[in-house]
Amino acid sequence: MTRPPSLGISIFLYITGILLVVLAIILLLQAFGVVKNIPKEAIWGLVLLSIGSGILSAIRRR
């Protein structure tokens, strides 16, 4: 039997996963020319949104 990961590790993994998916989508949209220029503030907003949703989803799964 394996123990489930601690809450801190779960939060870190959820944040990392969500952040990687969001940034990959942004890079693909920029590569295909759908989005020409994204301001830094919007990128930081998406990073903060990813962090917040990662924390909430890890806590909710507990």
PDB file of N, CA and C in Angstrom:
ATOM      1  N   MET A   1       0.833  -1.173   0.000  1.00  0.00           N
ATOM      2  CA  MET A   1       0.000   0.000   0.000  1.00  0.00           C
ATOM      3  C   MET A   1       0.883   1.244   0.000  1.00  0.00           C
ATOM      4  N   THR A   2       0.486   2.195  -0.805  1.00  0.00           N
ATOM      5  CA  THR A   2       1.233   3.447  -0.848  1.00  0.00           C
ATOM      6  C   THR A   2       0.403   4.537  -0.195  1.00  0.00           C
ATOM      7  N   ARG A   3       1.115   5.453   0.412  1.00  0.00           N
ATOM      8  CA  ARG A   3       0.440   6.587   1.040  1.00  0.00           C
ATOM      9  C   ARG A   3       0.147   7.647  -0.008  1.00  0.00           C
ATOM     10  N   PRO A   4      -0.951   8.369   0.121  1.00  0.00           N
ATOM     11  CA  PRO A   4      -1.188   9.490  -0.799  1.00  0.00           C
ATOM     12  C   PRO A   4      -0.182  10.601  -0.500  1.00  0.00           C
ATOM     13  N   PRO A   5       0.177  11.391  -1.502  1.00  0.00           N
ATOM     14  CA  PRO A   5       1.139  12.462  -1.269  1.00  0.00           C
ATOM     15  C   PRO A   5       0.588  13.505  -0.301  1.00  0.00           C
ATOM     16  N   SER A   6       1.496  14.212   0.342  1.00  0.00           N
ATOM     17  CA  SER A   6       1.068  15.226   1.297  1.00  0.00           C
ATOM     18  C   SER A   6       0.364  16.373   0.570  1.00  0.00           C
ATOM     19  N   LEU A   7      -0.294  17.218   1.345  1.00  0.00           N
ATOM     20  CA  LEU A   7      -1.054  18.322   0.766  1.00  0.00           C
ATOM     21  C   LEU A   7      -0.134  19.280   0.017  1.00  0.00           C
ATOM     22  N   GLY A   8       1.051  19.543   0.551  1.00  0.00           N
ATOM     23  CA  GLY A   8       1.986  20.462  -0.106  1.00  0.00           C
ATOM     24  C   GLY A   8       2.436  19.951  -1.461  1.00  0.00           C
ATOM     25  N   ILE A   9       2.713  18.653  -1.539  1.00  0.00           N
ATOM     26  CA  ILE A   9       3.135  18.069  -2.811  1.00  0.00           C
ATOM     27  C   ILE A   9       1.976  18.061  -3.800  1.00  0.00           C
ATOM     28  N   SER A  10       0.783  17.776  -3.323  1.00  0.00           N
ATOM     29  CA  SER A  10      -0.389  17.791  -4.202  1.00  0.00           C
ATOM     30  C   SER A  10      -0.624  19.175  -4.768  1.00  0.00           C
ATOM     31  N   ILE A  11      -0.533  20.192  -3.922  1.00  0.00           N
ATOM     32  CA  ILE A  11      -0.730  21.565  -4.391  1.00  0.00           C
ATOM     33  C   ILE A  11       0.325  21.913  -5.429  1.00  0.00           C
ATOM     34  N   PHE A  12       1.583  21.570  -5.173  1.00  0.00           N
ATOM     35  CA  PHE A  12       2.653  21.872  -6.117  1.00  0.00           C
ATOM     36  C   PHE A  12       2.419  21.185  -7.461  1.00  0.00           C
ATOM     37  N   LEU A  13       2.007  19.925  -7.438  1.00  0.00           N
ATOM     38  CA  LEU A  13       1.780  19.193  -8.680  1.00  0.00           C
ATOM     39  C   LEU A  13       0.602  19.758  -9.465  1.00  0.00           C
ATOM     40  N   TYR A  14      -0.480  20.111  -8.781  1.00  0.00           N
ATOM     41  CA  TYR A  14      -1.621  20.709  -9.473  1.00  0.00           C
ATOM     42  C   TYR A  14      -1.246  22.050 -10.092  1.00  0.00           C
ATOM     43  N   ILE A  15      -0.520  22.881  -9.359  1.00  0.00           N
ATOM     44  CA  ILE A  15      -0.103  24.183  -9.879  1.00  0.00           C
ATOM     45  C   ILE A  15       0.785  23.992 -11.104  1.00  0.00           C
ATOM     46  N   THR A  16       1.743  23.096 -11.009  1.00  0.00           N
ATOM     47  CA  THR A  16       2.658  22.868 -12.122  1.00  0.00           C
ATOM     48  C   THR A  16       1.919  22.351 -13.351  1.00  0.00           C
ATOM     49  N   GLY A  17       1.011  21.425 -13.135  1.00  0.00           N
ATOM     50  CA  GLY A  17       0.258  20.876 -14.259  1.00  0.00           C
ATOM     51  C   GLY A  17      -0.606  21.904 -14.950  1.00  0.00           C
ATOM     52  N   ILE A  18      -1.348  22.669 -14.179  1.00  0.00           N
ATOM     53  CA  ILE A  18      -2.224  23.678 -14.757  1.00  0.00           C
ATOM     54  C   ILE A  18      -1.406  24.759 -15.456  1.00  0.00           C
ATOM     55  N   LEU A  19      -0.303  25.171 -14.841  1.00  0.00           N
ATOM     56  CA  LEU A  19       0.549  26.208 -15.425  1.00  0.00           C
ATOM     57  C   LEU A  19       1.153  25.742 -16.752  1.00  0.00           C
ATOM     58  N   LEU A  20       1.610  24.499 -16.810  1.00  0.00           N
ATOM     59  CA  LEU A  20       2.185  23.993 -18.053  1.00  0.00           C
ATOM     60  C   LEU A  20       1.148  23.924 -19.170  1.00  0.00           C
ATOM     61  N   VAL A  21      -0.050  23.508 -18.852  1.00  0.00           N
ATOM     62  CA  VAL A  21      -1.101  23.427 -19.868  1.00  0.00           C
ATOM     63  C   VAL A  21      -1.468  24.818 -20.381  1.00  0.00           C
ATOM     64  N   VAL A  22      -1.636  25.775 -19.480  1.00  0.00           N
ATOM     65  CA  VAL A  22      -2.009  27.136 -19.882  1.00  0.00           C
ATOM     66  C   VAL A  22      -0.912  27.758 -20.737  1.00  0.00           C
ATOM     67  N   LEU A  23       0.334  27.622 -20.320  1.00  0.00           N
ATOM     68  CA  LEU A  23       1.427  28.211 -21.092  1.00  0.00           C
ATOM     69  C   LEU A  23       1.602  27.515 -22.442  1.00  0.00           C
ATOM     70  N   ALA A  24       1.366  26.215 -22.508  1.00  0.00           N
ATOM     71  CA  ALA A  24       1.447  25.514 -23.796  1.00  0.00           C
ATOM     72  C   ALA A  24       0.367  26.002 -24.752  1.00  0.00           C
ATOM     73  N   ILE A  25      -0.831  26.236 -24.235  1.00  0.00           N
ATOM     74  CA  ILE A  25      -1.914  26.755 -25.076  1.00  0.00           C
ATOM     75  C   ILE A  25      -1.564  28.144 -25.589  1.00  0.00           C
ATOM     76  N   ILE A  26      -1.016  28.994 -24.727  1.00  0.00           N
ATOM     77  CA  ILE A  26      -0.630  30.339 -25.147  1.00  0.00           C
ATOM     78  C   ILE A  26       0.445  30.285 -26.230  1.00  0.00           C
ATOM     79  N   LEU A  27       1.446  29.436 -26.038  1.00  0.00           N
ATOM     80  CA  LEU A  27       2.511  29.324 -27.038  1.00  0.00           C
ATOM     81  C   LEU A  27       1.987  28.793 -28.367  1.00  0.00           C
ATOM     82  N   LEU A  28       1.068  27.842 -28.326  1.00  0.00           N
ATOM     83  CA  LEU A  28       0.487  27.351 -29.573  1.00  0.00           C
ATOM     84  C   LEU A  28      -0.332  28.420 -30.283  1.00  0.00           C
ATOM     85  N   LEU A  29      -1.099  29.188 -29.530  1.00  0.00           N
ATOM     86  CA  LEU A  29      -1.873  30.265 -30.140  1.00  0.00           C
ATOM     87  C   LEU A  29      -0.971  31.319 -30.762  1.00  0.00           C
ATOM     88  N   GLN A  30       0.147  31.625 -30.109  1.00  0.00           N
ATOM     89  CA  GLN A  30       1.099  32.574 -30.678  1.00  0.00           C
ATOM     90  C   GLN A  30       1.777  31.990 -31.914  1.00  0.00           C
ATOM     91  N   ALA A  31       2.094  30.708 -31.910  1.00  0.00           N
ATOM     92  CA  ALA A  31       2.770  30.083 -33.047  1.00  0.00           C
ATOM     93  C   ALA A  31       1.875  30.055 -34.285  1.00  0.00           C
ATOM     94  N   PHE A  32       0.578  29.840 -34.100  1.00  0.00           N
ATOM     95  CA  PHE A  32      -0.341  29.804 -35.233  1.00  0.00           C
ATOM     96  C   PHE A  32      -0.833  31.186 -35.632  1.00  0.00           C
ATOM     97  N   GLY A  33      -0.429  32.211 -34.921  1.00  0.00           N
ATOM     98  CA  GLY A  33      -0.773  33.577 -35.281  1.00  0.00           C
ATOM     99  C   GLY A  33      -2.148  34.022 -34.836  1.00  0.00           C
ATOM    100  N   VAL A  34      -2.803  33.233 -33.993  1.00  0.00           N
ATOM    101  CA  VAL A  34      -4.121  33.632 -33.495  1.00  0.00           C
ATOM    102  C   VAL A  34      -3.973  34.827 -32.559  1.00  0.00           C
ATOM    103  N   VAL A  35      -2.964  34.776 -31.733  1.00  0.00           N
ATOM    104  CA  VAL A  35      -2.686  35.860 -30.789  1.00  0.00           C
ATOM    105  C   VAL A  35      -1.333  36.447 -31.174  1.00  0.00           C
ATOM    106  N   LYS A  36      -1.332  37.711 -31.546  1.00  0.00           N
ATOM    107  CA  LYS A  36      -0.088  38.335 -31.994  1.00  0.00           C
ATOM    108  C   LYS A  36       0.801  38.758 -30.835  1.00  0.00           C
ATOM    109  N   ASN A  37       0.225  39.476 -29.891  1.00  0.00           N
ATOM    110  CA  ASN A  37       1.033  40.030 -28.811  1.00  0.00           C
ATOM    111  C   ASN A  37       0.223  39.988 -27.526  1.00  0.00           C
ATOM    112  N   ILE A  38       0.773  39.320 -26.538  1.00  0.00           N
ATOM    113  CA  ILE A  38       0.107  39.243 -25.237  1.00  0.00           C
ATOM    114  C   ILE A  38       0.915  40.080 -24.254  1.00  0.00           C
ATOM    115  N   PRO A  39       0.274  41.017 -23.561  1.00  0.00           N
ATOM    116  CA  PRO A  39       1.005  41.825 -22.586  1.00  0.00           C
ATOM    117  C   PRO A  39       1.493  40.982 -21.415  1.00  0.00           C
ATOM    118  N   LYS A  40       2.565  41.447 -20.795  1.00  0.00           N
ATOM    119  CA  LYS A  40       3.127  40.720 -19.654  1.00  0.00           C
ATOM    120  C   LYS A  40       2.129  40.611 -18.508  1.00  0.00           C
ATOM    121  N   GLU A  41       1.301  41.637 -18.335  1.00  0.00           N
ATOM    122  CA  GLU A  41       0.316  41.610 -17.256  1.00  0.00           C
ATOM    123  C   GLU A  41      -0.678  40.472 -17.452  1.00  0.00           C
ATOM    124  N   ALA A  42      -1.041  40.202 -18.691  1.00  0.00           N
ATOM    125  CA  ALA A  42      -1.976  39.100 -18.960  1.00  0.00           C
ATOM    126  C   ALA A  42      -1.317  37.754 -18.666  1.00  0.00           C
ATOM    127  N   ILE A  43      -0.052  37.619 -19.009  1.00  0.00           N
ATOM    128  CA  ILE A  43       0.668  36.374 -18.713  1.00  0.00           C
ATOM    129  C   ILE A  43       0.745  36.179 -17.208  1.00  0.00           C
ATOM    130  N   TRP A  44       1.085  37.240 -16.475  1.00  0.00           N
ATOM    131  CA  TRP A  44       1.163  37.122 -15.019  1.00  0.00           C
ATOM    132  C   TRP A  44      -0.207  36.820 -14.416  1.00  0.00           C
ATOM    133  N   GLY A  45      -1.240  37.383 -15.000  1.00  0.00           N
ATOM    134  CA  GLY A  45      -2.586  37.070 -14.535  1.00  0.00           C
ATOM    135  C   GLY A  45      -2.920  35.599 -14.725  1.00  0.00           C
ATOM    136  N   LEU A  46      -2.515  35.036 -15.855  1.00  0.00           N
ATOM    137  CA  LEU A  46      -2.751  33.617 -16.094  1.00  0.00           C
ATOM    138  C   LEU A  46      -1.930  32.740 -15.151  1.00  0.00           C
ATOM    139  N   VAL A  47      -0.715  33.171 -14.842  1.00  0.00           N
ATOM    140  CA  VAL A  47       0.110  32.420 -13.887  1.00  0.00           C
ATOM    141  C   VAL A  47      -0.546  32.424 -12.513  1.00  0.00           C
ATOM    142  N   LEU A  48      -1.006  33.587 -12.070  1.00  0.00           N
ATOM    143  CA  LEU A  48      -1.670  33.676 -10.763  1.00  0.00           C
ATOM    144  C   LEU A  48      -2.971  32.880 -10.745  1.00  0.00           C
ATOM    145  N   LEU A  49      -3.701  32.903 -11.849  1.00  0.00           N
ATOM    146  CA  LEU A  49      -4.926  32.117 -11.942  1.00  0.00           C
ATOM    147  C   LEU A  49      -4.614  30.617 -11.863  1.00  0.00           C
ATOM    148  N   SER A  50      -3.532  30.199 -12.498  1.00  0.00           N
ATOM    149  CA  SER A  50      -3.127  28.797 -12.438  1.00  0.00           C
ATOM    150  C   SER A  50      -2.746  28.393 -11.020  1.00  0.00           C
ATOM    151  N   ILE A  51      -2.033  29.264 -10.338  1.00  0.00           N
ATOM    152  CA  ILE A  51      -1.636  28.971  -8.959  1.00  0.00           C
ATOM    153  C   ILE A  51      -2.865  28.847  -8.067  1.00  0.00           C
ATOM    154  N   GLY A  52      -3.787  29.793  -8.200  1.00  0.00           N
ATOM    155  CA  GLY A  52      -4.999  29.763  -7.382  1.00  0.00           C
ATOM    156  C   GLY A  52      -5.851  28.541  -7.654  1.00  0.00           C
ATOM    157  N   SER A  53      -6.034  28.200  -8.927  1.00  0.00           N
ATOM    158  CA  SER A  53      -6.866  27.039  -9.231  1.00  0.00           C
ATOM    159  C   SER A  53      -6.168  25.740  -8.838  1.00  0.00           C
ATOM    160  N   GLY A  54      -4.841  25.704  -8.882  1.00  0.00           N
ATOM    161  CA  GLY A  54      -4.116  24.523  -8.425  1.00  0.00           C
ATOM    162  C   GLY A  54      -4.273  24.306  -6.936  1.00  0.00           C
ATOM    163  N   ILE A  55      -4.205  25.384  -6.177  1.00  0.00           N
ATOM    164  CA  ILE A  55      -4.386  25.281  -4.722  1.00  0.00           C
ATOM    165  C   ILE A  55      -5.808  24.829  -4.395  1.00  0.00           C
ATOM    166  N   LEU A  56      -6.785  25.442  -5.044  1.00  0.00           N
ATOM    167  CA  LEU A  56      -8.176  25.082  -4.759  1.00  0.00           C
ATOM    168  C   LEU A  56      -8.492  23.644  -5.155  1.00  0.00           C
ATOM    169  N   SER A  57      -7.978  23.192  -6.297  1.00  0.00           N
ATOM    170  CA  SER A  57      -8.288  21.821  -6.705  1.00  0.00           C
ATOM    171  C   SER A  57      -7.585  20.796  -5.818  1.00  0.00           C
ATOM    172  N   ALA A  58      -6.382  21.110  -5.336  1.00  0.00           N
ATOM    173  CA  ALA A  58      -5.689  20.172  -4.432  1.00  0.00           C
ATOM    174  C   ALA A  58      -6.405  20.092  -3.093  1.00  0.00           C
ATOM    175  N   ILE A  59      -6.866  21.212  -2.592  1.00  0.00           N
ATOM    176  CA  ILE A  59      -7.590  21.208  -1.325  1.00  0.00           C
ATOM    177  C   ILE A  59      -8.937  20.512  -1.475  1.00  0.00           C
ATOM    178  N   ARG A  60      -9.588  20.726  -2.603  1.00  0.00           N
ATOM    179  CA  ARG A  60     -10.891  20.118  -2.823  1.00  0.00           C
ATOM    180  C   ARG A  60     -10.801  18.601  -2.918  1.00  0.00           C
ATOM    181  N   ARG A  61      -9.711  18.077  -3.466  1.00  0.00           N
ATOM    182  CA  ARG A  61      -9.549  16.630  -3.600  1.00  0.00           C
ATOM    183  C   ARG A  61      -9.244  15.961  -2.277  1.00  0.00           C
ATOM    184  N   ARG A  62      -8.865  16.715  -1.272  1.00  0.00           N
ATOM    185  CA  ARG A  62      -8.558  16.153   0.046  1.00  0.00           C
ATOM    186  C   ARG A  62      -9.820  15.786   0.693  1.00  0.00           C
TER     187      ARG A  62
END
